Full PDB file with SEQRES, HELIX, SHEET, SSBOND, CRYST1, ORIGX, SCALE, CONECT and MASTER records, all heavy atoms in Angstrom:
SEQRES   1 A   35  MET MET ASP ASN LYS PRO GLU GLU CYS SER VAL CYS PHE          
SEQRES   2 A   35  ASN ASP TYR ALA GLU ASN ARG LEU ARG PRO ARG THR LEU          
SEQRES   3 A   35  PRO CYS GLY HIS THR PHE CYS SER GLN                          
HELIX    1 AA1 ASN A   19  LEU A   21  5                                   3    
SHEET    1 AA1 2 PRO A  23  THR A  25  0                                        
SHEET    2 AA1 2 THR A  31  CYS A  33 -1                                        
CRYST1    1.000    1.000    1.000  90.00  90.00  90.00 P 1           1          
ORIGX1      1.000000  0.000000  0.000000        0.00000                         
ORIGX2      0.000000  1.000000  0.000000        0.00000                         
ORIGX3      0.000000  0.000000  1.000000        0.00000                         
SCALE1      1.000000  0.000000  0.000000        0.00000                         
SCALE2      0.000000  1.000000  0.000000        0.00000                         
SCALE3      0.000000  0.000000  1.000000        0.00000                         
ATOM      1  N   MET A   1       2.336 -17.918   5.279  1.00  0.00           N  
ATOM      2  CA  MET A   1       2.122 -18.003   6.723  1.00  0.00           C  
ATOM      3  C   MET A   1       2.638 -16.727   7.373  1.00  0.00           C  
ATOM      4  O   MET A   1       3.789 -16.355   7.226  1.00  0.00           O  
ATOM      5  CB  MET A   1       2.875 -19.222   7.278  1.00  0.00           C  
ATOM      6  CG  MET A   1       2.620 -19.431   8.763  1.00  0.00           C  
ATOM      7  SD  MET A   1       3.574 -20.866   9.347  1.00  0.00           S  
ATOM      8  CE  MET A   1       2.820 -22.157   8.409  1.00  0.00           C  
ATOM      9  N   MET A   2       1.742 -16.028   8.104  1.00  0.00           N  
ATOM     10  CA  MET A   2       2.114 -14.759   8.717  1.00  0.00           C  
ATOM     11  C   MET A   2       2.408 -14.964  10.195  1.00  0.00           C  
ATOM     12  O   MET A   2       1.805 -15.807  10.867  1.00  0.00           O  
ATOM     13  CB  MET A   2       0.962 -13.750   8.566  1.00  0.00           C  
ATOM     14  CG  MET A   2       0.612 -13.419   7.112  1.00  0.00           C  
ATOM     15  SD  MET A   2       1.961 -12.594   6.259  1.00  0.00           S  
ATOM     16  CE  MET A   2       1.966 -11.043   7.139  1.00  0.00           C  
ATOM     17  N   ASP A   3       3.370 -14.201  10.720  1.00  0.00           N  
ATOM     18  CA  ASP A   3       3.701 -14.295  12.135  1.00  0.00           C  
ATOM     19  C   ASP A   3       2.597 -13.632  12.952  1.00  0.00           C  
ATOM     20  O   ASP A   3       2.175 -12.503  12.679  1.00  0.00           O  
ATOM     21  CB  ASP A   3       5.032 -13.584  12.405  1.00  0.00           C  
ATOM     22  CG  ASP A   3       6.182 -14.306  11.736  1.00  0.00           C  
ATOM     23  OD1 ASP A   3       5.986 -15.497  11.428  1.00  0.00           O  
ATOM     24  OD2 ASP A   3       7.231 -13.686  11.525  1.00  0.00           O  
ATOM     25  N   ASN A   4       2.099 -14.355  13.994  1.00  0.00           N  
ATOM     26  CA  ASN A   4       1.101 -13.777  14.878  1.00  0.00           C  
ATOM     27  C   ASN A   4       1.744 -12.780  15.822  1.00  0.00           C  
ATOM     28  O   ASN A   4       1.242 -11.690  16.045  1.00  0.00           O  
ATOM     29  CB  ASN A   4       0.390 -14.881  15.664  1.00  0.00           C  
ATOM     30  CG  ASN A   4      -0.449 -15.771  14.752  1.00  0.00           C  
ATOM     31  OD1 ASN A   4      -1.000 -15.285  13.782  1.00  0.00           O  
ATOM     32  ND2 ASN A   4      -0.517 -17.053  15.047  1.00  0.00           N  
ATOM     33  N   LYS A   5       2.848 -13.159  16.404  1.00  0.00           N  
ATOM     34  CA  LYS A   5       3.571 -12.299  17.323  1.00  0.00           C  
ATOM     35  C   LYS A   5       5.050 -12.378  16.989  1.00  0.00           C  
ATOM     36  O   LYS A   5       5.560 -13.474  16.720  1.00  0.00           O  
ATOM     37  CB  LYS A   5       3.335 -12.753  18.758  1.00  0.00           C  
ATOM     38  CG  LYS A   5       1.887 -12.642  19.221  1.00  0.00           C  
ATOM     39  CD  LYS A   5       1.750 -13.115  20.663  1.00  0.00           C  
ATOM     40  CE  LYS A   5       0.306 -13.018  21.139  1.00  0.00           C  
ATOM     41  NZ  LYS A   5       0.172 -13.494  22.543  1.00  0.00           N  
ATOM     42  N   PRO A   6       5.756 -11.280  17.029  1.00  0.00           N  
ATOM     43  CA  PRO A   6       7.180 -11.316  16.671  1.00  0.00           C  
ATOM     44  C   PRO A   6       8.019 -12.121  17.653  1.00  0.00           C  
ATOM     45  O   PRO A   6       9.107 -12.566  17.317  1.00  0.00           O  
ATOM     46  CB  PRO A   6       7.588  -9.843  16.663  1.00  0.00           C  
ATOM     47  CG  PRO A   6       6.582  -9.166  17.533  1.00  0.00           C  
ATOM     48  CD  PRO A   6       5.296  -9.907  17.350  1.00  0.00           C  
ATOM     49  N   GLU A   7       7.518 -12.287  18.884  1.00  0.00           N  
ATOM     50  CA  GLU A   7       8.306 -13.001  19.888  1.00  0.00           C  
ATOM     51  C   GLU A   7       8.042 -14.498  19.896  1.00  0.00           C  
ATOM     52  O   GLU A   7       8.629 -15.229  20.701  1.00  0.00           O  
ATOM     53  CB  GLU A   7       8.040 -12.414  21.283  1.00  0.00           C  
ATOM     54  CG  GLU A   7       6.659 -12.731  21.858  1.00  0.00           C  
ATOM     55  CD  GLU A   7       5.611 -11.706  21.462  1.00  0.00           C  
ATOM     56  OE1 GLU A   7       5.861 -10.971  20.474  1.00  0.00           O  
ATOM     57  OE2 GLU A   7       4.570 -11.643  22.121  1.00  0.00           O  
ATOM     58  N   GLU A   8       7.191 -14.999  18.994  1.00  0.00           N  
ATOM     59  CA  GLU A   8       6.906 -16.428  18.981  1.00  0.00           C  
ATOM     60  C   GLU A   8       7.131 -17.012  17.597  1.00  0.00           C  
ATOM     61  O   GLU A   8       7.025 -16.322  16.581  1.00  0.00           O  
ATOM     62  CB  GLU A   8       5.476 -16.711  19.443  1.00  0.00           C  
ATOM     63  CG  GLU A   8       4.413 -16.282  18.471  1.00  0.00           C  
ATOM     64  CD  GLU A   8       3.010 -16.618  18.941  1.00  0.00           C  
ATOM     65  OE1 GLU A   8       2.814 -16.849  20.164  1.00  0.00           O  
ATOM     66  OE2 GLU A   8       2.095 -16.649  18.093  1.00  0.00           O  
ATOM     67  N   CYS A   9       7.452 -18.304  17.555  1.00  0.00           N  
ATOM     68  CA  CYS A   9       7.657 -19.023  16.291  1.00  0.00           C  
ATOM     69  C   CYS A   9       6.311 -19.189  15.601  1.00  0.00           C  
ATOM     70  O   CYS A   9       5.333 -19.627  16.225  1.00  0.00           O  
ATOM     71  CB  CYS A   9       8.299 -20.385  16.560  1.00  0.00           C  
ATOM     72  SG  CYS A   9       8.466 -21.417  15.075  1.00  0.00           S  
ATOM     73  N   SER A  10       6.228 -18.858  14.314  1.00  0.00           N  
ATOM     74  CA  SER A  10       4.965 -18.923  13.585  1.00  0.00           C  
ATOM     75  C   SER A  10       4.575 -20.341  13.203  1.00  0.00           C  
ATOM     76  O   SER A  10       3.501 -20.552  12.646  1.00  0.00           O  
ATOM     77  CB  SER A  10       5.063 -18.061  12.321  1.00  0.00           C  
ATOM     78  OG  SER A  10       6.086 -18.536  11.467  1.00  0.00           O  
ATOM     79  N   VAL A  11       5.437 -21.336  13.483  1.00  0.00           N  
ATOM     80  CA  VAL A  11       5.104 -22.736  13.184  1.00  0.00           C  
ATOM     81  C   VAL A  11       4.521 -23.427  14.412  1.00  0.00           C  
ATOM     82  O   VAL A  11       3.429 -23.994  14.380  1.00  0.00           O  
ATOM     83  CB  VAL A  11       6.335 -23.501  12.677  1.00  0.00           C  
ATOM     84  CG1 VAL A  11       6.013 -24.981  12.481  1.00  0.00           C  
ATOM     85  CG2 VAL A  11       6.809 -22.907  11.355  1.00  0.00           C  
ATOM     86  N   CYS A  12       5.253 -23.376  15.530  1.00  0.00           N  
ATOM     87  CA  CYS A  12       4.803 -24.062  16.745  1.00  0.00           C  
ATOM     88  C   CYS A  12       4.110 -23.118  17.729  1.00  0.00           C  
ATOM     89  O   CYS A  12       3.543 -23.573  18.723  1.00  0.00           O  
ATOM     90  CB  CYS A  12       5.975 -24.759  17.423  1.00  0.00           C  
ATOM     91  SG  CYS A  12       7.245 -23.625  18.031  1.00  0.00           S  
ATOM     92  N   PHE A  13       4.193 -21.795  17.489  1.00  0.00           N  
ATOM     93  CA  PHE A  13       3.565 -20.768  18.324  1.00  0.00           C  
ATOM     94  C   PHE A  13       4.133 -20.718  19.748  1.00  0.00           C  
ATOM     95  O   PHE A  13       3.502 -20.176  20.651  1.00  0.00           O  
ATOM     96  CB  PHE A  13       2.039 -20.958  18.382  1.00  0.00           C  
ATOM     97  CG  PHE A  13       1.387 -20.891  17.027  1.00  0.00           C  
ATOM     98  CD1 PHE A  13       0.887 -22.037  16.434  1.00  0.00           C  
ATOM     99  CD2 PHE A  13       1.306 -19.694  16.327  1.00  0.00           C  
ATOM    100  CE1 PHE A  13       0.306 -21.988  15.179  1.00  0.00           C  
ATOM    101  CE2 PHE A  13       0.710 -19.637  15.076  1.00  0.00           C  
ATOM    102  CZ  PHE A  13       0.227 -20.793  14.492  1.00  0.00           C  
ATOM    103  N   ASN A  14       5.311 -21.314  19.942  1.00  0.00           N  
ATOM    104  CA  ASN A  14       6.002 -21.180  21.218  1.00  0.00           C  
ATOM    105  C   ASN A  14       6.832 -19.902  21.216  1.00  0.00           C  
ATOM    106  O   ASN A  14       7.374 -19.506  20.183  1.00  0.00           O  
ATOM    107  CB  ASN A  14       6.915 -22.379  21.476  1.00  0.00           C  
ATOM    108  CG  ASN A  14       6.136 -23.641  21.765  1.00  0.00           C  
ATOM    109  OD1 ASN A  14       5.155 -23.618  22.494  1.00  0.00           O  
ATOM    110  ND2 ASN A  14       6.561 -24.747  21.181  1.00  0.00           N  
ATOM    111  N   ASP A  15       6.922 -19.263  22.389  1.00  0.00           N  
ATOM    112  CA  ASP A  15       7.782 -18.094  22.492  1.00  0.00           C  
ATOM    113  C   ASP A  15       9.234 -18.507  22.318  1.00  0.00           C  
ATOM    114  O   ASP A  15       9.648 -19.578  22.784  1.00  0.00           O  
ATOM    115  CB  ASP A  15       7.599 -17.427  23.861  1.00  0.00           C  
ATOM    116  CG  ASP A  15       6.265 -16.705  23.961  1.00  0.00           C  
ATOM    117  OD1 ASP A  15       5.586 -16.564  22.920  1.00  0.00           O  
ATOM    118  OD2 ASP A  15       5.902 -16.293  25.080  1.00  0.00           O  
ATOM    119  N   TYR A  16       9.996 -17.685  21.642  1.00  0.00           N  
ATOM    120  CA  TYR A  16      11.415 -17.965  21.482  1.00  0.00           C  
ATOM    121  C   TYR A  16      12.079 -17.982  22.853  1.00  0.00           C  
ATOM    122  O   TYR A  16      11.783 -17.155  23.723  1.00  0.00           O  
ATOM    123  CB  TYR A  16      12.085 -16.914  20.603  1.00  0.00           C  
ATOM    124  CG  TYR A  16      11.629 -16.966  19.165  1.00  0.00           C  
ATOM    125  CD1 TYR A  16      11.011 -15.862  18.560  1.00  0.00           C  
ATOM    126  CD2 TYR A  16      11.820 -18.113  18.402  1.00  0.00           C  
ATOM    127  CE1 TYR A  16      10.601 -15.906  17.248  1.00  0.00           C  
ATOM    128  CE2 TYR A  16      11.406 -18.163  17.071  1.00  0.00           C  
ATOM    129  CZ  TYR A  16      10.795 -17.063  16.512  1.00  0.00           C  
ATOM    130  OH  TYR A  16      10.406 -17.118  15.209  1.00  0.00           O  
ATOM    131  N   ALA A  17      12.973 -18.943  23.044  1.00  0.00           N  
ATOM    132  CA  ALA A  17      13.656 -19.089  24.327  1.00  0.00           C  
ATOM    133  C   ALA A  17      15.009 -19.719  24.081  1.00  0.00           C  
ATOM    134  O   ALA A  17      15.473 -19.820  22.943  1.00  0.00           O  
ATOM    135  CB  ALA A  17      12.817 -19.926  25.294  1.00  0.00           C  
ATOM    136  N   GLU A  18      15.661 -20.178  25.117  1.00  0.00           N  
ATOM    137  CA  GLU A  18      17.000 -20.735  25.007  1.00  0.00           C  
ATOM    138  C   GLU A  18      16.957 -22.136  24.414  1.00  0.00           C  
ATOM    139  O   GLU A  18      15.901 -22.759  24.273  1.00  0.00           O  
ATOM    140  CB  GLU A  18      17.663 -20.762  26.383  1.00  0.00           C  
ATOM    141  CG  GLU A  18      16.916 -21.608  27.395  1.00  0.00           C  
ATOM    142  CD  GLU A  18      17.538 -21.537  28.774  1.00  0.00           C  
ATOM    143  OE1 GLU A  18      18.414 -20.686  28.983  1.00  0.00           O  
ATOM    144  OE2 GLU A  18      17.139 -22.338  29.615  1.00  0.00           O  
ATOM    145  N   ASN A  19      18.145 -22.619  24.031  1.00  0.00           N  
ATOM    146  CA  ASN A  19      18.350 -23.985  23.521  1.00  0.00           C  
ATOM    147  C   ASN A  19      17.532 -24.245  22.259  1.00  0.00           C  
ATOM    148  O   ASN A  19      17.735 -23.604  21.245  1.00  0.00           O  
ATOM    149  CB  ASN A  19      18.057 -25.020  24.613  1.00  0.00           C  
ATOM    150  CG  ASN A  19      18.991 -24.849  25.794  1.00  0.00           C  
ATOM    151  OD1 ASN A  19      20.129 -24.448  25.630  1.00  0.00           O  
ATOM    152  ND2 ASN A  19      18.497 -25.125  26.989  1.00  0.00           N  
ATOM    153  N   ARG A  20      16.533 -25.152  22.317  1.00  0.00           N  
ATOM    154  CA  ARG A  20      15.828 -25.623  21.132  1.00  0.00           C  
ATOM    155  C   ARG A  20      14.865 -24.596  20.536  1.00  0.00           C  
ATOM    156  O   ARG A  20      14.372 -24.790  19.435  1.00  0.00           O  
ATOM    157  CB  ARG A  20      15.035 -26.897  21.470  1.00  0.00           C  
ATOM    158  CG  ARG A  20      15.881 -28.055  21.939  1.00  0.00           C  
ATOM    159  CD  ARG A  20      16.733 -28.585  20.794  1.00  0.00           C  
ATOM    160  NE  ARG A  20      15.898 -29.125  19.738  1.00  0.00           N  
ATOM    161  CZ  ARG A  20      16.221 -29.144  18.454  1.00  0.00           C  
ATOM    162  NH1 ARG A  20      17.359 -28.613  18.075  1.00  0.00           N  
ATOM    163  NH2 ARG A  20      15.412 -29.675  17.548  1.00  0.00           N  
ATOM    164  N   LEU A  21      14.572 -23.519  21.263  1.00  0.00           N  
ATOM    165  CA  LEU A  21      13.618 -22.530  20.777  1.00  0.00           C  
ATOM    166  C   LEU A  21      14.278 -21.213  20.379  1.00  0.00           C  
ATOM    167  O   LEU A  21      13.610 -20.190  20.252  1.00  0.00           O  
ATOM    168  CB  LEU A  21      12.542 -22.273  21.841  1.00  0.00           C  
ATOM    169  CG  LEU A  21      11.634 -23.467  22.164  1.00  0.00           C  
ATOM    170  CD1 LEU A  21      10.627 -23.088  23.235  1.00  0.00           C  
ATOM    171  CD2 LEU A  21      10.911 -23.957  20.909  1.00  0.00           C  
ATOM    172  N   ARG A  22      15.581 -21.238  20.178  1.00  0.00           N  
ATOM    173  CA  ARG A  22      16.263 -20.008  19.757  1.00  0.00           C  
ATOM    174  C   ARG A  22      15.847 -19.645  18.328  1.00  0.00           C  
ATOM    175  O   ARG A  22      15.732 -20.516  17.454  1.00  0.00           O  
ATOM    176  CB  ARG A  22      17.778 -20.168  19.813  1.00  0.00           C  
ATOM    177  CG  ARG A  22      18.324 -20.372  21.213  1.00  0.00           C  
ATOM    178  CD  ARG A  22      19.812 -20.093  21.284  1.00  0.00           C  
ATOM    179  NE  ARG A  22      20.079 -18.664  21.273  1.00  0.00           N  
ATOM    180  CZ  ARG A  22      21.301 -18.143  21.424  1.00  0.00           C  
ATOM    181  NH1 ARG A  22      22.343 -18.943  21.581  1.00  0.00           N  
ATOM    182  NH2 ARG A  22      21.484 -16.844  21.413  1.00  0.00           N  
ATOM    183  N   PRO A  23      15.610 -18.377  18.054  1.00  0.00           N  
ATOM    184  CA  PRO A  23      15.201 -17.964  16.699  1.00  0.00           C  
ATOM    185  C   PRO A  23      16.390 -17.996  15.739  1.00  0.00           C  
ATOM    186  O   PRO A  23      17.462 -17.492  16.056  1.00  0.00           O  
ATOM    187  CB  PRO A  23      14.692 -16.538  16.903  1.00  0.00           C  
ATOM    188  CG  PRO A  23      15.466 -16.036  18.096  1.00  0.00           C  
ATOM    189  CD  PRO A  23      15.653 -17.230  18.989  1.00  0.00           C  
ATOM    190  N   ARG A  24      16.186 -18.577  14.569  1.00  0.00           N  
ATOM    191  CA  ARG A  24      17.232 -18.635  13.542  1.00  0.00           C  
ATOM    192  C   ARG A  24      16.646 -18.172  12.210  1.00  0.00           C  
ATOM    193  O   ARG A  24      15.501 -18.487  11.884  1.00  0.00           O  
ATOM    194  CB  ARG A  24      17.805 -20.056  13.414  1.00  0.00           C  
ATOM    195  CG  ARG A  24      18.544 -20.507  14.672  1.00  0.00           C  
ATOM    196  CD  ARG A  24      19.172 -21.888  14.505  1.00  0.00           C  
ATOM    197  NE  ARG A  24      19.853 -22.310  15.725  1.00  0.00           N  
ATOM    198  CZ  ARG A  24      21.109 -21.993  16.035  1.00  0.00           C  
ATOM    199  NH1 ARG A  24      21.819 -21.270  15.179  1.00  0.00           N  
ATOM    200  NH2 ARG A  24      21.652 -22.415  17.154  1.00  0.00           N  
ATOM    201  N   THR A  25      17.456 -17.438  11.458  1.00  0.00           N  
ATOM    202  CA  THR A  25      17.003 -16.842  10.199  1.00  0.00           C  
ATOM    203  C   THR A  25      17.487 -17.658   9.010  1.00  0.00           C  
ATOM    204  O   THR A  25      18.676 -17.971   8.897  1.00  0.00           O  
ATOM    205  CB  THR A  25      17.512 -15.392  10.075  1.00  0.00           C  
ATOM    206  OG1 THR A  25      17.038 -14.642  11.184  1.00  0.00           O  
ATOM    207  CG2 THR A  25      16.997 -14.762   8.781  1.00  0.00           C  
ATOM    208  N   LEU A  26      16.551 -18.001   8.107  1.00  0.00           N  
ATOM    209  CA  LEU A  26      16.884 -18.727   6.886  1.00  0.00           C  
ATOM    210  C   LEU A  26      17.400 -17.749   5.826  1.00  0.00           C  
ATOM    211  O   LEU A  26      17.158 -16.541   5.910  1.00  0.00           O  
ATOM    212  CB  LEU A  26      15.649 -19.459   6.356  1.00  0.00           C  
ATOM    213  CG  LEU A  26      14.939 -20.398   7.337  1.00  0.00           C  
ATOM    214  CD1 LEU A  26      13.778 -21.098   6.644  1.00  0.00           C  
ATOM    215  CD2 LEU A  26      15.913 -21.419   7.915  1.00  0.00           C  
ATOM    216  N   PRO A  27      18.107 -18.243   4.807  1.00  0.00           N  
ATOM    217  CA  PRO A  27      18.604 -17.352   3.743  1.00  0.00           C  
ATOM    218  C   PRO A  27      17.505 -16.559   3.055  1.00  0.00           C  
ATOM    219  O   PRO A  27      17.759 -15.477   2.533  1.00  0.00           O  
ATOM    220  CB  PRO A  27      19.286 -18.338   2.767  1.00  0.00           C  
ATOM    221  CG  PRO A  27      19.705 -19.473   3.628  1.00  0.00           C  
ATOM    222  CD  PRO A  27      18.621 -19.614   4.665  1.00  0.00           C  
ATOM    223  N   CYS A  28      16.265 -17.067   3.062  1.00  0.00           N  
ATOM    224  CA  CYS A  28      15.166 -16.344   2.421  1.00  0.00           C  
ATOM    225  C   CYS A  28      14.660 -15.205   3.287  1.00  0.00           C  
ATOM    226  O   CYS A  28      13.801 -14.423   2.862  1.00  0.00           O  
ATOM    227  CB  CYS A  28      14.030 -17.303   2.085  1.00  0.00           C  
ATOM    228  SG  CYS A  28      13.368 -18.187   3.519  1.00  0.00           S  
ATOM    229  N   GLY A  29      15.162 -15.093   4.558  1.00  0.00           N  
ATOM    230  CA  GLY A  29      14.803 -13.981   5.423  1.00  0.00           C  
ATOM    231  C   GLY A  29      13.786 -14.298   6.495  1.00  0.00           C  
ATOM    232  O   GLY A  29      13.543 -13.465   7.366  1.00  0.00           O  
ATOM    233  N   HIS A  30      13.179 -15.480   6.488  1.00  0.00           N  
ATOM    234  CA  HIS A  30      12.170 -15.821   7.485  1.00  0.00           C  
ATOM    235  C   HIS A  30      12.820 -16.487   8.702  1.00  0.00           C  
ATOM    236  O   HIS A  30      13.827 -17.175   8.581  1.00  0.00           O  
ATOM    237  CB  HIS A  30      11.107 -16.745   6.871  1.00  0.00           C  
ATOM    238  CG  HIS A  30      10.324 -16.082   5.792  1.00  0.00           C  
ATOM    239  ND1 HIS A  30      10.529 -16.354   4.447  1.00  0.00           N  
ATOM    240  CD2 HIS A  30       9.362 -15.124   5.839  1.00  0.00           C  
ATOM    241  CE1 HIS A  30       9.706 -15.628   3.722  1.00  0.00           C  
ATOM    242  NE2 HIS A  30       8.984 -14.864   4.536  1.00  0.00           N  
ATOM    243  N   THR A  31      12.197 -16.266   9.862  1.00  0.00           N  
ATOM    244  CA  THR A  31      12.761 -16.727  11.131  1.00  0.00           C  
ATOM    245  C   THR A  31      11.830 -17.735  11.796  1.00  0.00           C  
ATOM    246  O   THR A  31      10.607 -17.522  11.851  1.00  0.00           O  
ATOM    247  CB  THR A  31      12.991 -15.529  12.072  1.00  0.00           C  
ATOM    248  OG1 THR A  31      13.914 -14.625  11.446  1.00  0.00           O  
ATOM    249  CG2 THR A  31      13.566 -15.997  13.406  1.00  0.00           C  
ATOM    250  N   PHE A  32      12.451 -18.831  12.301  1.00  0.00           N  
ATOM    251  CA  PHE A  32      11.711 -19.866  13.025  1.00  0.00           C  
ATOM    252  C   PHE A  32      12.594 -20.385  14.144  1.00  0.00           C  
ATOM    253  O   PHE A  32      13.812 -20.168  14.153  1.00  0.00           O  
ATOM    254  CB  PHE A  32      11.304 -21.022  12.091  1.00  0.00           C  
ATOM    255  CG  PHE A  32      10.579 -20.563  10.859  1.00  0.00           C  
ATOM    256  CD1 PHE A  32      11.269 -20.389   9.666  1.00  0.00           C  
ATOM    257  CD2 PHE A  32       9.223 -20.282  10.893  1.00  0.00           C  
ATOM    258  CE1 PHE A  32      10.617 -19.961   8.531  1.00  0.00           C  
ATOM    259  CE2 PHE A  32       8.558 -19.848   9.759  1.00  0.00           C  
ATOM    260  CZ  PHE A  32       9.254 -19.681   8.576  1.00  0.00           C  
ATOM    261  N   CYS A  33      11.994 -21.115  15.083  1.00  0.00           N  
ATOM    262  CA  CYS A  33      12.796 -21.664  16.177  1.00  0.00           C  
ATOM    263  C   CYS A  33      13.631 -22.840  15.685  1.00  0.00           C  
ATOM    264  O   CYS A  33      13.307 -23.481  14.678  1.00  0.00           O  
ATOM    265  CB  CYS A  33      11.898 -22.086  17.351  1.00  0.00           C  
ATOM    266  SG  CYS A  33      10.907 -23.565  17.036  1.00  0.00           S  
ATOM    267  N   SER A  34      14.711 -23.132  16.403  1.00  0.00           N  
ATOM    268  CA  SER A  34      15.638 -24.196  16.002  1.00  0.00           C  
ATOM    269  C   SER A  34      14.923 -25.541  15.894  1.00  0.00           C  
ATOM    270  O   SER A  34      15.200 -26.339  14.990  1.00  0.00           O  
ATOM    271  CB  SER A  34      16.781 -24.290  17.020  1.00  0.00           C  
ATOM    272  OG  SER A  34      17.472 -23.070  17.109  1.00  0.00           O  
ATOM    273  N   GLN A  35      14.005 -25.799  16.817  1.00  0.00           N  
ATOM    274  CA  GLN A  35      13.317 -27.084  16.834  1.00  0.00           C  
ATOM    275  C   GLN A  35      12.475 -27.286  15.575  1.00  0.00           C  
ATOM    276  O   GLN A  35      12.511 -28.360  14.956  1.00  0.00           O  
ATOM    277  CB  GLN A  35      12.414 -27.161  18.072  1.00  0.00           C  
ATOM    278  CG  GLN A  35      11.638 -28.462  18.210  1.00  0.00           C  
ATOM    279  CD  GLN A  35      10.911 -28.526  19.535  1.00  0.00           C  
ATOM    280  OE1 GLN A  35      11.437 -29.027  20.523  1.00  0.00           O  
ATOM    281  NE2 GLN A  35       9.689 -28.001  19.581  1.00  0.00           N  
TER     282      GLN A  35                                                      
MASTER        0    0    0    1    2    0    0    6  281    1    0    3          
END                                                                             
């Protein structure tokens, strides 16, 4: 799965934001929103 935009989560396609949409990095190096 490739990221469409660096500023959005590649799973839900929401822009990263505060609280539940903060970007977090997994040990494998990929980043997704908290939700």
